């Protein structure tokens, strides 16, 4: 197996890893119930997607 000729410095290693950071996912609000949902997905609270009821959700109060 090949072995590196020189050791990678801290600066070079950190410069390479600058793009490997976590990002916060996008969150939108449901226009019907106002719950926080991820974009392009049906709402888990009311079951609506693009103004249509696509999931049957039983509400227990």
PDB file of N, CA and C in Angstrom:
ATOM      1  N   UNK A   1       0.840  -1.176   0.000  1.00  0.00           N
ATOM      2  CA  UNK A   1       0.000   0.000   0.000  1.00  0.00           C
ATOM      3  C   UNK A   1       0.890   1.245   0.000  1.00  0.00           C
ATOM      4  N   UNK A   2       0.440   2.268  -0.687  1.00  0.00           N
ATOM      5  CA  UNK A   2       1.222   3.493  -0.806  1.00  0.00           C
ATOM      6  C   UNK A   2       1.181   4.283   0.500  1.00  0.00           C
ATOM      7  N   UNK A   3       2.308   4.943   0.777  1.00  0.00           N
ATOM      8  CA  UNK A   3       2.423   5.764   1.977  1.00  0.00           C
ATOM      9  C   UNK A   3       2.713   7.194   1.528  1.00  0.00           C
ATOM     10  N   UNK A   4       2.064   8.198   2.132  1.00  0.00           N
ATOM     11  CA  UNK A   4       2.331   9.583   1.735  1.00  0.00           C
ATOM     12  C   UNK A   4       3.786   9.966   1.986  1.00  0.00           C
ATOM     13  N   UNK A   5       4.349  10.730   1.073  1.00  0.00           N
ATOM     14  CA  UNK A   5       5.744  11.149   1.186  1.00  0.00           C
ATOM     15  C   UNK A   5       5.923  12.148   2.322  1.00  0.00           C
ATOM     16  N   UNK A   6       4.966  13.077   2.440  1.00  0.00           N
ATOM     17  CA  UNK A   6       5.036  14.076   3.492  1.00  0.00           C
ATOM     18  C   UNK A   6       3.723  14.092   4.278  1.00  0.00           C
ATOM     19  N   UNK A   7       3.832  14.557   5.488  1.00  0.00           N
ATOM     20  CA  UNK A   7       2.655  14.677   6.336  1.00  0.00           C
ATOM     21  C   UNK A   7       1.818  15.874   5.888  1.00  0.00           C
ATOM     22  N   UNK A   8       0.487  15.725   5.900  1.00  0.00           N
ATOM     23  CA  UNK A   8      -0.403  16.838   5.547  1.00  0.00           C
ATOM     24  C   UNK A   8      -0.469  17.804   6.718  1.00  0.00           C
ATOM     25  N   UNK A   9      -0.204  19.074   6.454  1.00  0.00           N
ATOM     26  CA  UNK A   9      -0.193  20.072   7.518  1.00  0.00           C
ATOM     27  C   UNK A   9      -1.612  20.369   8.008  1.00  0.00           C
ATOM     28  N   UNK A  10      -1.701  20.975   9.179  1.00  0.00           N
ATOM     29  CA  UNK A  10      -3.012  21.323   9.745  1.00  0.00           C
ATOM     30  C   UNK A  10      -3.754  22.297   8.842  1.00  0.00           C
ATOM     31  N   UNK A  11      -3.036  23.243   8.273  1.00  0.00           N
ATOM     32  CA  UNK A  11      -3.669  24.235   7.409  1.00  0.00           C
ATOM     33  C   UNK A  11      -4.241  23.591   6.157  1.00  0.00           C
ATOM     34  N   UNK A  12      -3.456  22.746   5.500  1.00  0.00           N
ATOM     35  CA  UNK A  12      -3.938  22.073   4.283  1.00  0.00           C
ATOM     36  C   UNK A  12      -5.130  21.181   4.587  1.00  0.00           C
ATOM     37  N   UNK A  13      -5.076  20.466   5.696  1.00  0.00           N
ATOM     38  CA  UNK A  13      -6.164  19.578   6.083  1.00  0.00           C
ATOM     39  C   UNK A  13      -7.440  20.376   6.352  1.00  0.00           C
ATOM     40  N   UNK A  14      -7.315  21.484   7.049  1.00  0.00           N
ATOM     41  CA  UNK A  14      -8.484  22.309   7.378  1.00  0.00           C
ATOM     42  C   UNK A  14      -9.039  23.019   6.146  1.00  0.00           C
ATOM     43  N   UNK A  15      -8.163  23.418   5.225  1.00  0.00           N
ATOM     44  CA  UNK A  15      -8.637  24.039   3.982  1.00  0.00           C
ATOM     45  C   UNK A  15      -9.447  23.042   3.153  1.00  0.00           C
ATOM     46  N   UNK A  16      -9.022  21.792   3.143  1.00  0.00           N
ATOM     47  CA  UNK A  16      -9.741  20.764   2.400  1.00  0.00           C
ATOM     48  C   UNK A  16     -11.095  20.477   3.043  1.00  0.00           C
ATOM     49  N   UNK A  17     -11.181  20.564   4.342  1.00  0.00           N
ATOM     50  CA  UNK A  17     -12.408  20.206   5.061  1.00  0.00           C
ATOM     51  C   UNK A  17     -13.380  21.362   5.257  1.00  0.00           C
ATOM     52  N   UNK A  18     -13.117  22.523   4.687  1.00  0.00           N
ATOM     53  CA  UNK A  18     -14.007  23.665   4.901  1.00  0.00           C
ATOM     54  C   UNK A  18     -15.391  23.438   4.316  1.00  0.00           C
ATOM     55  N   UNK A  19     -15.520  22.572   3.310  1.00  0.00           N
ATOM     56  CA  UNK A  19     -16.810  22.333   2.675  1.00  0.00           C
ATOM     57  C   UNK A  19     -17.554  21.168   3.311  1.00  0.00           C
ATOM     58  N   UNK A  20     -16.977  20.509   4.300  1.00  0.00           N
ATOM     59  CA  UNK A  20     -17.595  19.347   4.923  1.00  0.00           C
ATOM     60  C   UNK A  20     -18.344  19.724   6.196  1.00  0.00           C
ATOM     61  N   UNK A  21     -19.153  20.754   6.133  1.00  0.00           N
ATOM     62  CA  UNK A  21     -19.890  21.181   7.314  1.00  0.00           C
ATOM     63  C   UNK A  21     -21.373  20.852   7.154  1.00  0.00           C
ATOM     64  N   UNK A  22     -22.045  20.701   8.236  1.00  0.00           N
ATOM     65  CA  UNK A  22     -23.464  20.380   8.209  1.00  0.00           C
ATOM     66  C   UNK A  22     -24.259  21.655   7.969  1.00  0.00           C
ATOM     67  N   UNK A  23     -25.382  21.486   7.274  1.00  0.00           N
ATOM     68  CA  UNK A  23     -26.258  22.613   6.992  1.00  0.00           C
ATOM     69  C   UNK A  23     -27.630  22.356   7.584  1.00  0.00           C
ATOM     70  N   UNK A  24     -28.299  23.412   7.933  1.00  0.00           N
ATOM     71  CA  UNK A  24     -29.647  23.312   8.464  1.00  0.00           C
ATOM     72  C   UNK A  24     -30.605  23.072   7.305  1.00  0.00           C
ATOM     73  N   UNK A  25     -31.463  22.083   7.440  1.00  0.00           N
ATOM     74  CA  UNK A  25     -32.425  21.778   6.389  1.00  0.00           C
ATOM     75  C   UNK A  25     -33.478  22.856   6.256  1.00  0.00           C
ATOM     76  N   UNK A  26     -34.045  22.958   5.056  1.00  0.00           N
ATOM     77  CA  UNK A  26     -35.064  23.968   4.798  1.00  0.00           C
ATOM     78  C   UNK A  26     -36.379  23.570   5.467  1.00  0.00           C
ATOM     79  N   UNK A  27     -37.069  24.545   6.031  1.00  0.00           N
ATOM     80  CA  UNK A  27     -38.347  24.314   6.692  1.00  0.00           C
ATOM     81  C   UNK A  27     -39.325  25.380   6.220  1.00  0.00           C
ATOM     82  N   UNK A  28     -40.531  24.951   5.856  1.00  0.00           N
ATOM     83  CA  UNK A  28     -41.591  25.878   5.486  1.00  0.00           C
ATOM     84  C   UNK A  28     -42.774  25.650   6.414  1.00  0.00           C
ATOM     85  N   UNK A  29     -43.792  26.483   6.281  1.00  0.00           N
ATOM     86  CA  UNK A  29     -44.985  26.323   7.102  1.00  0.00           C
ATOM     87  C   UNK A  29     -46.139  25.842   6.241  1.00  0.00           C
ATOM     88  N   UNK A  30     -46.978  25.017   6.821  1.00  0.00           N
ATOM     89  CA  UNK A  30     -48.155  24.506   6.128  1.00  0.00           C
ATOM     90  C   UNK A  30     -49.158  25.648   5.984  1.00  0.00           C
ATOM     91  N   UNK A  31     -49.675  25.887   4.779  1.00  0.00           N
ATOM     92  CA  UNK A  31     -50.615  27.002   4.613  1.00  0.00           C
ATOM     93  C   UNK A  31     -51.951  26.765   5.306  1.00  0.00           C
ATOM     94  N   UNK A  32     -52.300  25.515   5.582  1.00  0.00           N
ATOM     95  CA  UNK A  32     -53.596  25.233   6.209  1.00  0.00           C
ATOM     96  C   UNK A  32     -53.527  25.286   7.731  1.00  0.00           C
ATOM     97  N   UNK A  33     -52.571  24.542   8.318  1.00  0.00           N
ATOM     98  CA  UNK A  33     -52.536  24.463   9.783  1.00  0.00           C
ATOM     99  C   UNK A  33     -51.383  25.248  10.407  1.00  0.00           C
ATOM    100  N   UNK A  34     -50.396  25.656   9.614  1.00  0.00           N
ATOM    101  CA  UNK A  34     -49.288  26.454  10.135  1.00  0.00           C
ATOM    102  C   UNK A  34     -48.171  25.641  10.760  1.00  0.00           C
ATOM    103  N   UNK A  35     -48.201  24.317  10.615  1.00  0.00           N
ATOM    104  CA  UNK A  35     -47.150  23.480  11.190  1.00  0.00           C
ATOM    105  C   UNK A  35     -45.876  23.588  10.354  1.00  0.00           C
ATOM    106  N   UNK A  36     -44.745  23.360  10.984  1.00  0.00           N
ATOM    107  CA  UNK A  36     -43.461  23.395  10.284  1.00  0.00           C
ATOM    108  C   UNK A  36     -43.267  22.082   9.547  1.00  0.00           C
ATOM    109  N   UNK A  37     -43.044  22.159   8.223  1.00  0.00           N
ATOM    110  CA  UNK A  37     -42.847  20.963   7.402  1.00  0.00           C
ATOM    111  C   UNK A  37     -41.672  21.187   6.467  1.00  0.00           C
ATOM    112  N   UNK A  38     -41.109  20.097   5.958  1.00  0.00           N
ATOM    113  CA  UNK A  38     -40.070  20.196   4.947  1.00  0.00           C
ATOM    114  C   UNK A  38     -40.728  20.440   3.599  1.00  0.00           C
ATOM    115  N   UNK A  39     -40.069  21.174   2.698  1.00  0.00           N
ATOM    116  CA  UNK A  39     -40.688  21.491   1.417  1.00  0.00           C
ATOM    117  C   UNK A  39     -40.928  20.252   0.553  1.00  0.00           C
ATOM    118  N   UNK A  40     -41.975  20.291  -0.246  1.00  0.00           N
ATOM    119  CA  UNK A  40     -42.364  19.240  -1.185  1.00  0.00           C
ATOM    120  C   UNK A  40     -42.733  17.935  -0.487  1.00  0.00           C
ATOM    121  N   UNK A  41     -43.323  18.052   0.693  1.00  0.00           N
ATOM    122  CA  UNK A  41     -43.790  16.885   1.431  1.00  0.00           C
ATOM    123  C   UNK A  41     -45.163  17.177   2.016  1.00  0.00           C
ATOM    124  N   UNK A  42     -45.939  16.130   2.218  1.00  0.00           N
ATOM    125  CA  UNK A  42     -47.264  16.301   2.814  1.00  0.00           C
ATOM    126  C   UNK A  42     -47.110  16.652   4.286  1.00  0.00           C
ATOM    127  N   UNK A  43     -48.036  17.449   4.783  1.00  0.00           N
ATOM    128  CA  UNK A  43     -48.025  17.856   6.185  1.00  0.00           C
ATOM    129  C   UNK A  43     -48.399  16.656   7.048  1.00  0.00           C
ATOM    130  N   UNK A  44     -47.636  16.426   8.098  1.00  0.00           N
ATOM    131  CA  UNK A  44     -47.912  15.296   8.978  1.00  0.00           C
ATOM    132  C   UNK A  44     -49.019  15.609   9.979  1.00  0.00           C
ATOM    133  N   UNK A  45     -49.349  16.875  10.161  1.00  0.00           N
ATOM    134  CA  UNK A  45     -50.392  17.255  11.117  1.00  0.00           C
ATOM    135  C   UNK A  45     -51.789  17.209  10.498  1.00  0.00           C
ATOM    136  N   UNK A  46     -51.931  17.775   9.288  1.00  0.00           N
ATOM    137  CA  UNK A  46     -53.261  17.840   8.670  1.00  0.00           C
ATOM    138  C   UNK A  46     -53.386  16.972   7.422  1.00  0.00           C
ATOM    139  N   UNK A  47     -52.269  16.524   6.837  1.00  0.00           N
ATOM    140  CA  UNK A  47     -52.311  15.630   5.687  1.00  0.00           C
ATOM    141  C   UNK A  47     -52.496  16.315   4.354  1.00  0.00           C
ATOM    142  N   UNK A  48     -52.286  17.614   4.262  1.00  0.00           N
ATOM    143  CA  UNK A  48     -52.467  18.350   3.009  1.00  0.00           C
ATOM    144  C   UNK A  48     -51.157  18.496   2.262  1.00  0.00           C
ATOM    145  N   UNK A  49     -51.274  18.500   0.919  1.00  0.00           N
ATOM    146  CA  UNK A  49     -50.143  18.780   0.045  1.00  0.00           C
ATOM    147  C   UNK A  49     -50.667  19.535  -1.154  1.00  0.00           C
ATOM    148  N   UNK A  50     -50.162  20.734  -1.364  1.00  0.00           N
ATOM    149  CA  UNK A  50     -50.578  21.616  -2.462  1.00  0.00           C
ATOM    150  C   UNK A  50     -52.092  21.842  -2.463  1.00  0.00           C
ATOM    151  N   UNK A  51     -52.666  22.028  -1.293  1.00  0.00           N
ATOM    152  CA  UNK A  51     -54.094  22.342  -1.190  1.00  0.00           C
ATOM    153  C   UNK A  51     -55.020  21.145  -1.269  1.00  0.00           C
ATOM    154  N   UNK A  52     -54.485  19.944  -1.400  1.00  0.00           N
ATOM    155  CA  UNK A  52     -55.322  18.748  -1.469  1.00  0.00           C
ATOM    156  C   UNK A  52     -55.024  17.841  -0.283  1.00  0.00           C
ATOM    157  N   UNK A  53     -56.065  17.176   0.212  1.00  0.00           N
ATOM    158  CA  UNK A  53     -55.892  16.258   1.316  1.00  0.00           C
ATOM    159  C   UNK A  53     -55.407  14.922   0.760  1.00  0.00           C
ATOM    160  N   UNK A  54     -54.157  14.563   1.026  1.00  0.00           N
ATOM    161  CA  UNK A  54     -53.574  13.349   0.474  1.00  0.00           C
ATOM    162  C   UNK A  54     -53.361  12.276   1.537  1.00  0.00           C
ATOM    163  N   UNK A  55     -53.375  12.640   2.811  1.00  0.00           N
ATOM    164  CA  UNK A  55     -53.211  11.685   3.890  1.00  0.00           C
ATOM    165  C   UNK A  55     -54.426  11.743   4.807  1.00  0.00           C
ATOM    166  N   UNK A  56     -54.835  10.588   5.270  1.00  0.00           N
ATOM    167  CA  UNK A  56     -55.937  10.540   6.226  1.00  0.00           C
ATOM    168  C   UNK A  56     -55.354  10.533   7.628  1.00  0.00           C
ATOM    169  N   UNK A  57     -55.554  11.640   8.338  1.00  0.00           N
ATOM    170  CA  UNK A  57     -55.010  11.818   9.678  1.00  0.00           C
ATOM    171  C   UNK A  57     -56.169  11.827  10.661  1.00  0.00           C
ATOM    172  N   UNK A  58     -56.105  10.939  11.677  1.00  0.00           N
ATOM    173  CA  UNK A  58     -57.109  10.934  12.738  1.00  0.00           C
ATOM    174  C   UNK A  58     -56.646  11.889  13.831  1.00  0.00           C
ATOM    175  N   UNK A  59     -57.448  12.899  14.089  1.00  0.00           N
ATOM    176  CA  UNK A  59     -57.107  13.868  15.131  1.00  0.00           C
ATOM    177  C   UNK A  59     -57.732  13.435  16.440  1.00  0.00           C
ATOM    178  N   UNK A  60     -56.892  13.217  17.441  1.00  0.00           N
ATOM    179  CA  UNK A  60     -57.369  12.868  18.778  1.00  0.00           C
ATOM    180  C   UNK A  60     -57.192  14.100  19.655  1.00  0.00           C
ATOM    181  N   UNK A  61     -58.293  14.583  20.181  1.00  0.00           N
ATOM    182  CA  UNK A  61     -58.244  15.787  21.030  1.00  0.00           C
ATOM    183  C   UNK A  61     -58.601  15.468  22.448  1.00  0.00           C
TER     184      UNK A  61
END
